[in-house]
């Protein structure tokens, strides 16, 4: 059975090269037990550079150059593996390959340490080492299995259509934010970005139209988890902002599904780790994720100009939006003395978002303006003006800009 599963896995790679990235994310070369099949799989991974460039002839040529083709039985053996290719069964075959590898490796570890115990006459110093090695095997096995589960979730099936996206924010009837997407909120420091975040979150709690800055926000009646991360403010200021959100919503205590986390002072890698843990925990507790807010995404990377870091954090947020079918709101400052988002991180984010919201402020009047600079799923949306209302204790709308005309379709506001 082990050998047959290996033949299905490697044969599918040969005949259906588009499956290679999915398969090699799950099955590592050393998990193939049959040495001949393992050699073929090794050369598949050596020559693969995209499905368009891949061919069985390339695999055979690579093996021939290294003197391995004749060892396995020639090109006939390689071609014969394609007879077992099965795109419908390859996922299950991969699971069997990984499981068999795990069992064999665990058995090797037990036999090796039993032999050491027999030689020394004691388990002292051996038992903990054996358990650690066995745990490493189990962890690696589960890691591949978990990746396969994720791949399966993302694989098209005509019998499993994804649910339509939930629209959680509209403005003037136009869609601004929907599940499975990222929304970017940008602006200079103290321009009122956190006020927009507060309006959006309070809207999920049932705040009035005025308290939510005229934005039509879907109430979180399902009680799904809402995660809000503040990376910039002290614990005291973070607390005050949360109290302001509750005040906007007209409630005196946070809903059980609302989790706002002050992460100032936590290193970038740990911030992202804590976010993922919080999202997973809220999903388990509440059965879904309503939305995720990251106020200060630049603090989740060491450098906003590092291309690799910027790409990784953007990909991670896209992954979370897709995995949990939720909307991720990302708040990012402008560059100092500029109207451009910060560094490579800002450029990456702008390319991937559903909507880009810009918040500007007239420092003389104290009036901030929300501009919908880019909306993938909407036409023209007029800006919204707001200012801090001392009597209310939070930012409140004051109407549309008196001089603002609806911009031409497709233009940047």
Protein backbone atom coordinates (compact mmCIF):
# COMPACT_ATOMS: atom_id res chain seq x y z
CA UNK A 1 0.00 0.00 0.00
CA UNK A 2 2.89 2.34 0.83
CA UNK A 3 4.54 1.77 -2.53
CA UNK A 4 1.25 2.26 -4.38
CA UNK A 5 0.58 5.55 -2.62
CA UNK A 6 4.07 6.74 -3.53
CA UNK A 7 3.44 5.77 -7.16
CA UNK A 8 0.19 7.79 -7.16
CA UNK A 9 1.93 10.84 -5.69
CA UNK A 10 4.94 10.83 -8.03
CA UNK A 11 2.97 9.68 -11.07
CA UNK A 12 0.53 12.57 -10.58
CA UNK A 13 3.45 15.00 -10.44
CA UNK A 14 4.74 13.67 -13.76
CA UNK A 15 1.42 13.70 -15.58
CA UNK A 16 -0.19 16.75 -13.96
CA UNK A 17 2.66 19.21 -13.23
CA UNK A 18 0.22 21.88 -12.01
CA UNK A 19 -0.20 19.71 -8.92
CA UNK A 20 3.51 19.71 -8.09
CA UNK A 21 3.51 22.82 -5.81
CA UNK A 22 0.60 21.43 -3.78
CA UNK A 23 2.15 17.98 -3.47
CA UNK A 24 5.68 19.05 -2.55
CA UNK A 25 4.25 21.37 0.10
CA UNK A 26 3.00 18.20 1.79
CA UNK A 27 5.38 15.36 0.83
CA UNK A 28 9.08 15.91 1.43
CA UNK A 29 11.56 13.87 -0.58
CA UNK A 30 12.76 11.82 2.41
CA UNK A 31 9.18 10.68 3.08
CA UNK A 32 9.26 8.51 -0.08
CA UNK A 33 10.43 5.06 1.07
CA UNK A 34 10.99 3.31 -2.27
CA UNK A 35 14.50 4.40 -3.43
CA UNK A 36 13.63 4.29 -7.13
CA UNK A 37 10.48 6.37 -6.72
CA UNK A 38 12.33 8.72 -4.38
CA UNK A 39 15.01 9.29 -7.02
CA UNK A 40 12.35 10.25 -9.60
CA UNK A 41 10.66 12.58 -7.09
CA UNK A 42 14.01 14.19 -6.31
CA UNK A 43 14.57 15.06 -9.97
CA UNK A 44 11.00 16.30 -10.38
CA UNK A 45 11.78 18.86 -7.72
CA UNK A 46 15.16 19.65 -9.29
CA UNK A 47 13.79 20.51 -12.73
CA UNK A 48 10.39 21.98 -11.85
CA UNK A 49 10.22 25.68 -12.67
CA UNK A 50 6.53 26.06 -13.42
CA UNK A 51 4.08 23.73 -15.20
CA UNK A 52 4.67 25.27 -18.64
CA UNK A 53 8.39 24.41 -18.64
CA UNK A 54 8.01 20.97 -17.04
CA UNK A 55 8.13 17.66 -18.94
CA UNK A 56 8.87 14.00 -18.27
CA UNK A 57 11.79 14.28 -20.70
CA UNK A 58 13.40 16.92 -18.47
CA UNK A 59 13.16 14.57 -15.48
CA UNK A 60 14.68 11.69 -17.44
CA UNK A 61 17.47 13.91 -18.80
CA UNK A 62 18.30 15.19 -15.31
CA UNK A 63 18.49 11.62 -13.99
CA UNK A 64 20.58 10.51 -16.96
CA UNK A 65 23.17 13.27 -16.45
CA UNK A 66 23.67 12.09 -12.86
CA UNK A 67 23.77 8.43 -13.82
CA UNK A 68 20.55 7.61 -11.97
CA UNK A 69 18.22 6.84 -14.87
CA UNK A 70 19.60 3.36 -15.60
CA UNK A 71 19.71 2.59 -11.87
CA UNK A 72 15.93 2.90 -11.58
CA UNK A 73 15.29 0.89 -14.77
CA UNK A 74 15.53 3.51 -17.49
CA UNK A 75 12.96 5.93 -18.88
CA UNK A 76 10.43 3.09 -19.03
CA UNK A 77 10.23 3.09 -15.22
CA UNK A 78 9.64 6.85 -15.14
CA UNK A 79 6.91 6.72 -17.77
CA UNK A 80 5.31 3.71 -16.11
CA UNK A 81 4.72 5.76 -12.96
CA UNK A 82 2.26 7.93 -14.89
CA UNK A 83 -0.08 4.92 -15.15
CA UNK A 84 -0.81 5.42 -11.44
CA UNK A 85 -1.43 9.18 -11.70
CA UNK A 86 -4.77 10.09 -10.11
CA UNK A 87 -5.66 13.71 -9.35
CA UNK A 88 -8.74 12.58 -7.43
CA UNK A 89 -6.84 10.27 -5.11
CA UNK A 90 -3.51 12.08 -4.81
CA UNK A 91 -4.48 13.97 -1.64
CA UNK A 92 -5.34 10.75 0.17
CA UNK A 93 -2.22 9.08 -1.22
CA UNK A 94 -0.10 11.93 0.12
CA UNK A 95 -1.66 11.49 3.56
CA UNK A 96 -0.77 7.78 3.48
CA UNK A 97 2.81 8.52 2.42
CA UNK A 98 3.28 10.99 5.29
CA UNK A 99 1.60 8.66 7.79
CA UNK A 100 3.73 5.69 6.75
CA UNK A 101 6.89 7.78 6.97
CA UNK A 102 5.91 8.89 10.47
CA UNK A 103 5.31 5.31 11.60
CA UNK A 104 8.60 4.06 10.15
CA UNK A 105 10.62 6.91 11.66
CA UNK A 106 8.99 6.43 15.06
CA UNK A 107 9.74 2.72 14.96
CA UNK A 108 13.38 3.44 14.09
CA UNK A 109 13.69 5.80 17.04
CA UNK A 110 12.20 3.28 19.48
CA UNK A 111 14.47 0.46 18.27
CA UNK A 112 17.55 2.70 18.40
CA UNK A 113 16.93 3.85 21.95
CA UNK A 114 15.97 0.35 23.12
CA UNK A 115 19.33 -0.82 21.82
CA UNK A 116 21.10 1.98 23.70
CA UNK A 117 19.22 1.04 26.86
CA UNK A 118 20.29 -2.58 26.46
CA UNK A 119 23.91 -1.49 26.03
CA UNK A 120 23.93 0.85 29.03
CA UNK A 121 21.50 -1.04 31.24
CA UNK A 122 19.56 2.10 32.11
CA UNK A 123 17.05 4.60 30.70
CA UNK A 124 18.80 7.48 32.44
CA UNK A 125 19.30 10.34 30.00
CA UNK A 126 17.71 8.36 27.18
CA UNK A 127 13.95 8.48 27.71
CA UNK A 128 13.62 12.28 27.38
CA UNK A 129 15.78 12.31 24.24
CA UNK A 130 13.69 9.55 22.68
CA UNK A 131 10.43 11.36 23.45
CA UNK A 132 11.82 14.59 21.96
CA UNK A 133 12.79 12.87 18.70
CA UNK A 134 9.40 11.16 18.49
CA UNK A 135 7.64 14.47 19.06
CA UNK A 136 9.68 16.07 16.29
CA UNK A 137 8.50 13.36 13.88
CA UNK A 138 4.86 13.80 14.94
CA UNK A 139 5.12 17.58 14.62
CA UNK A 140 6.59 17.37 11.14
CA UNK A 141 3.96 14.83 10.09
CA UNK A 142 1.12 17.02 11.35
CA UNK A 143 2.64 20.07 9.68
CA UNK A 144 2.42 18.42 6.26
CA UNK A 145 -1.09 17.19 7.03
CA UNK A 146 -2.18 20.67 8.07
CA UNK A 147 -0.82 22.12 4.83
CA UNK A 148 -2.78 19.57 2.85
CA UNK A 149 -5.96 20.54 4.70
CA UNK A 150 -5.38 24.17 3.75
CA UNK A 151 -4.70 23.26 0.13
CA UNK A 152 -7.93 21.25 0.03
CA UNK A 153 -9.89 24.20 1.37
CA UNK A 154 -8.55 26.39 -1.42
CA UNK A 155 -9.10 23.85 -4.21
CA UNK A 156 -11.95 24.47 -6.65
CA UNK A 157 -14.88 22.08 -6.49
CA UNK A 158 -18.08 22.61 -8.43
CA UNK A 159 -19.95 20.91 -5.58
CA UNK A 160 -18.58 23.27 -2.91
CA UNK A 161 -19.17 26.88 -3.98
CA UNK A 162 -17.81 29.43 -1.50
CA UNK A 163 -20.34 31.63 0.28
CA UNK A 164 -20.90 35.04 -1.31
CA UNK A 165 -18.93 37.80 0.41
CA UNK A 166 -20.63 39.68 3.21
CA UNK A 167 -20.67 43.43 2.66
CA UNK A 168 -19.98 45.00 6.02
CA UNK A 169 -19.54 48.65 4.97
CA UNK A 170 -21.41 50.70 2.39
CA UNK A 171 -21.31 54.43 1.79
CA UNK A 172 -24.10 56.03 -0.24
CA UNK A 173 -25.15 52.51 -1.22
CA UNK A 174 -21.72 51.69 -2.66
CA UNK A 175 -19.74 48.69 -1.42
CA UNK A 176 -16.61 49.72 0.50
CA UNK A 177 -15.64 46.67 2.54
CA UNK A 178 -16.52 43.00 2.10
CA UNK A 179 -15.33 39.69 3.47
CA UNK A 180 -12.21 38.10 2.02
CA UNK A 181 -10.53 41.47 1.39
CA UNK A 182 -8.15 44.05 2.84
CA UNK A 183 -9.15 47.69 3.31
CA UNK A 184 -6.36 50.26 3.71
CA UNK A 185 -6.85 53.42 5.80
CA UNK A 186 -4.05 55.96 5.38
CA UNK A 187 -3.26 59.51 6.42
CA UNK A 188 -0.77 61.66 8.26
CA UNK A 189 -0.37 61.43 12.02
CA UNK A 190 -3.31 62.74 14.10
CA UNK A 191 -5.45 63.20 10.99
CA UNK A 192 -8.29 61.16 12.44
CA UNK A 193 -7.58 57.62 11.20
CA UNK A 194 -8.32 56.12 14.60
CA UNK A 195 -11.59 58.04 14.61
CA UNK A 196 -12.59 56.24 11.41
CA UNK A 197 -11.61 52.92 13.00
CA UNK A 198 -13.69 53.76 16.07
CA UNK A 199 -16.69 54.58 13.88
CA UNK A 200 -16.36 51.29 11.99
CA UNK A 201 -16.05 49.19 15.14
CA UNK A 202 -18.88 50.98 16.95
CA UNK A 203 -21.06 50.43 13.88
CA UNK A 204 -20.62 46.69 14.33
CA UNK A 205 -22.02 47.18 17.85
CA UNK A 206 -25.10 49.00 16.56
CA UNK A 207 -24.02 52.65 16.72
CA UNK A 208 -26.27 55.23 15.10
CA UNK A 209 -25.59 56.57 11.61
CA UNK A 210 -24.16 59.78 13.02
CA UNK A 211 -21.85 57.99 15.44
CA UNK A 212 -20.53 55.84 12.59
CA UNK A 213 -19.76 58.83 10.33
CA UNK A 214 -22.66 58.22 7.92
CA UNK A 215 -21.22 54.83 6.96
CA UNK A 216 -23.76 52.02 6.64
CA UNK A 217 -22.13 49.32 8.75
CA UNK A 218 -23.44 45.78 9.09
CA UNK A 219 -24.30 45.02 12.71
CA UNK A 220 -22.53 41.99 14.10
CA UNK A 221 -25.75 40.25 15.08
CA UNK A 222 -24.14 36.84 14.56
CA UNK A 223 -21.69 37.59 17.37
CA UNK A 224 -18.63 36.66 15.34
CA UNK A 225 -15.23 37.59 16.72
CA UNK A 226 -13.89 41.10 16.06
CA UNK A 227 -10.15 41.57 16.62
CA UNK A 228 -8.68 45.05 17.08
CA UNK A 229 -4.92 45.43 17.47
CA UNK A 230 -3.38 48.75 18.54
CA UNK A 231 0.40 48.73 18.08
CA UNK A 232 1.08 52.41 18.77
CA UNK A 233 -0.59 53.66 21.95
CA UNK A 234 0.14 53.16 25.62
CA UNK A 235 -2.15 50.87 27.59
CA UNK A 236 -3.88 53.91 29.10
CA UNK A 237 -4.55 55.57 25.72
CA UNK A 238 -5.63 52.26 24.24
CA UNK A 239 -8.12 51.88 27.10
CA UNK A 240 -9.49 55.37 26.50
CA UNK A 241 -9.97 54.67 22.80
CA UNK A 242 -11.88 51.49 23.61
CA UNK A 243 -14.09 53.42 26.02
CA UNK A 244 -14.75 55.96 23.25
CA UNK A 245 -15.84 53.13 20.94
CA UNK A 246 -18.30 51.84 23.54
CA UNK A 247 -19.59 55.38 24.06
CA UNK A 248 -20.19 55.77 20.31
CA UNK A 249 -22.16 52.54 20.33
CA UNK A 250 -24.21 53.62 23.34
CA UNK A 251 -23.20 50.64 25.46
CA UNK A 252 -21.48 50.40 28.84
CA UNK A 253 -19.61 47.13 28.49
CA UNK A 254 -17.71 45.47 25.64
CA UNK A 255 -19.54 42.65 23.81
CA UNK A 256 -18.09 39.17 24.45
CA UNK A 257 -16.99 38.92 20.81
CA UNK A 258 -14.96 42.18 20.88
CA UNK A 259 -11.24 41.71 21.57
CA UNK A 260 -9.05 44.82 21.49
CA UNK A 261 -5.37 44.20 22.20
CA UNK A 262 -2.77 46.87 23.00
CA UNK A 263 0.55 45.60 21.62
CA UNK A 264 2.83 48.59 22.01
CA UNK A 265 6.31 47.40 23.00
CA UNK A 266 5.93 43.89 21.58
CA UNK A 267 8.47 42.96 18.90
CA UNK A 268 7.20 42.73 15.29
CA UNK A 269 7.37 38.94 14.90
CA UNK A 270 5.56 38.38 18.19
CA UNK A 271 2.84 40.89 17.27
CA UNK A 272 1.96 38.87 14.19
CA UNK A 273 2.08 35.62 16.16
CA UNK A 274 -0.24 37.05 18.84
CA UNK A 275 -2.62 38.29 16.13
CA UNK A 276 -2.87 34.84 14.55
CA UNK A 277 -3.46 33.21 17.95
CA UNK A 278 -6.14 35.75 18.87
CA UNK A 279 -7.94 35.30 15.56
CA UNK A 280 -7.86 31.51 15.78
CA UNK A 281 -9.09 31.59 19.38
CA UNK A 282 -11.94 34.00 18.59
CA UNK A 283 -12.96 31.89 15.61
CA UNK A 284 -13.12 28.80 17.82
CA UNK A 285 -15.15 30.62 20.50
CA UNK A 286 -17.57 32.56 18.30
CA UNK A 287 -17.89 30.48 15.14
CA UNK A 288 -16.57 33.13 12.76
CA UNK A 289 -14.59 36.36 12.39
CA UNK A 290 -16.54 39.55 11.68
CA UNK A 291 -13.46 41.66 10.97
CA UNK A 292 -9.85 42.35 11.94
CA UNK A 293 -8.44 45.84 12.59
CA UNK A 294 -4.70 46.53 12.74
CA UNK A 295 -4.06 50.09 13.87
CA UNK A 296 -0.38 50.50 13.06
CA UNK A 297 0.58 47.73 10.66
CA UNK A 298 4.03 49.31 10.14
CA UNK A 299 4.92 48.15 13.66
CA UNK A 300 4.50 44.55 12.56
CA UNK A 301 7.64 44.73 10.40
CA UNK A 302 11.19 45.76 11.24
CA UNK A 303 11.43 47.98 8.17
CA UNK A 304 8.64 49.30 5.95
CA UNK A 305 11.17 49.38 3.09
CA UNK A 306 12.17 45.73 3.35
CA UNK A 307 10.67 44.09 0.26
CA UNK A 308 10.64 40.58 1.69
CA UNK A 309 9.07 41.63 5.00
CA UNK A 310 6.50 43.83 3.29
CA UNK A 311 5.48 41.10 0.91
CA UNK A 312 5.26 38.54 3.71
CA UNK A 313 3.01 40.64 5.97
CA UNK A 314 0.74 41.55 3.03
CA UNK A 315 0.48 37.89 2.03
CA UNK A 316 -0.26 36.90 5.63
CA UNK A 317 -3.10 39.41 5.95
CA UNK A 318 -4.55 38.28 2.62
CA UNK A 319 -4.35 34.72 3.88
CA UNK A 320 -6.20 35.59 7.10
CA UNK A 321 -8.90 37.46 5.15
CA UNK A 322 -9.39 34.42 2.91
CA UNK A 323 -9.08 31.72 5.55
CA UNK A 324 -11.61 33.30 7.89
CA UNK A 325 -13.76 34.89 5.15
CA UNK A 326 -13.40 38.25 6.87
CA UNK A 327 -12.37 41.83 6.22
CA UNK A 328 -8.96 43.03 7.39
CA UNK A 329 -8.74 46.79 7.99
CA UNK A 330 -5.15 48.05 7.96
CA UNK A 331 -4.13 51.48 9.22
CA UNK A 332 -0.89 52.95 7.87
CA UNK A 333 0.66 56.41 8.19
CA UNK A 334 1.83 58.55 5.31
CA UNK A 335 5.55 59.12 4.94
CA UNK A 336 6.64 62.21 6.93
CA UNK A 337 5.84 65.43 5.00
CA UNK A 338 4.27 63.41 2.19
CA UNK A 339 0.92 62.11 0.95
CA UNK A 340 2.36 58.70 0.05
CA UNK A 341 1.92 55.60 2.17
CA UNK A 342 5.00 54.44 3.99
CA UNK A 343 7.68 52.62 2.02
CA UNK A 344 7.48 49.33 0.18
CA UNK A 345 4.88 48.16 2.68
CA UNK A 346 2.49 50.91 1.60
CA UNK A 347 3.07 50.16 -2.09
CA UNK A 348 2.39 46.45 -1.56
CA UNK A 349 -0.76 47.12 0.43
CA UNK A 350 -2.22 49.53 -2.11
CA UNK A 351 -1.92 46.93 -4.88
CA UNK A 352 -3.83 44.31 -2.91
CA UNK A 353 -6.69 46.19 -1.27
CA UNK A 354 -10.39 46.28 -2.08
CA UNK A 355 -10.63 49.92 -0.97
CA UNK A 356 -8.10 52.60 -0.10
CA UNK A 357 -9.41 55.24 2.31
CA UNK A 358 -7.44 58.44 2.80
CA UNK A 359 -7.94 60.66 5.84
CA UNK A 360 -6.76 64.27 5.60
CA UNK A 361 -7.09 67.15 8.06
CA UNK A 362 -7.37 70.90 7.80
CA UNK A 363 -5.30 71.91 10.80
CA UNK A 364 -6.75 75.42 10.90
CA UNK A 365 -10.38 74.30 11.17
CA UNK A 366 -9.71 70.93 12.79
CA UNK A 367 -11.92 69.25 10.19
CA UNK A 368 -10.89 65.83 8.86
CA UNK A 369 -12.05 64.41 5.54
CA UNK A 370 -12.52 60.77 4.59
CA UNK A 371 -11.77 60.24 0.90
CA UNK A 372 -12.37 56.97 -0.89
CA UNK A 373 -9.33 57.16 -3.15
CA UNK A 374 -9.72 53.71 -4.67
CA UNK A 375 -12.66 51.31 -4.59
CA UNK A 376 -12.49 48.07 -6.53
CA UNK A 377 -16.20 47.32 -6.18
CA UNK A 378 -17.78 50.77 -6.28
CA UNK A 379 -18.14 53.82 -8.47
CA UNK A 380 -17.77 57.35 -7.15
CA UNK A 381 -18.19 58.03 -3.44
CA UNK A 382 -18.32 61.53 -2.06
CA UNK A 383 -16.00 62.35 0.84
CA UNK A 384 -17.18 62.63 4.44
CA UNK A 385 -16.17 65.39 6.87
CA UNK A 386 -15.84 64.97 10.62
CA UNK A 387 -14.22 66.61 13.63
CA UNK A 388 -13.64 65.85 17.29
CA UNK A 389 -16.70 66.77 19.33
CA UNK A 390 -15.69 67.62 22.90
CA UNK A 391 -19.25 67.35 24.16
CA UNK A 392 -19.66 63.84 22.77
CA UNK A 393 -16.09 62.80 23.52
CA UNK A 394 -15.39 61.36 20.07
CA UNK A 395 -15.13 62.28 16.38
CA UNK A 396 -18.51 63.12 14.86
CA UNK A 397 -19.62 63.94 11.29
CA UNK A 398 -20.34 67.48 10.17
CA UNK A 399 -21.62 66.69 6.65
CA UNK A 400 -20.11 66.58 3.20
CA UNK A 401 -17.44 69.08 2.10
CA UNK A 402 -19.15 72.17 0.75
CA UNK A 403 -16.76 72.43 -2.21
CA UNK A 404 -16.59 68.72 -3.06
CA UNK A 405 -18.00 67.61 -6.36
CA UNK A 406 -18.30 63.94 -7.20
CA UNK A 407 -15.02 63.12 -8.95
CA UNK A 408 -14.94 61.76 -12.50
CA UNK A 409 -15.34 58.00 -12.69
CA UNK A 410 -12.02 56.20 -12.34
CA UNK A 411 -10.14 59.25 -11.06
CA UNK A 412 -8.22 59.46 -7.80
CA UNK A 413 -9.78 61.81 -5.28
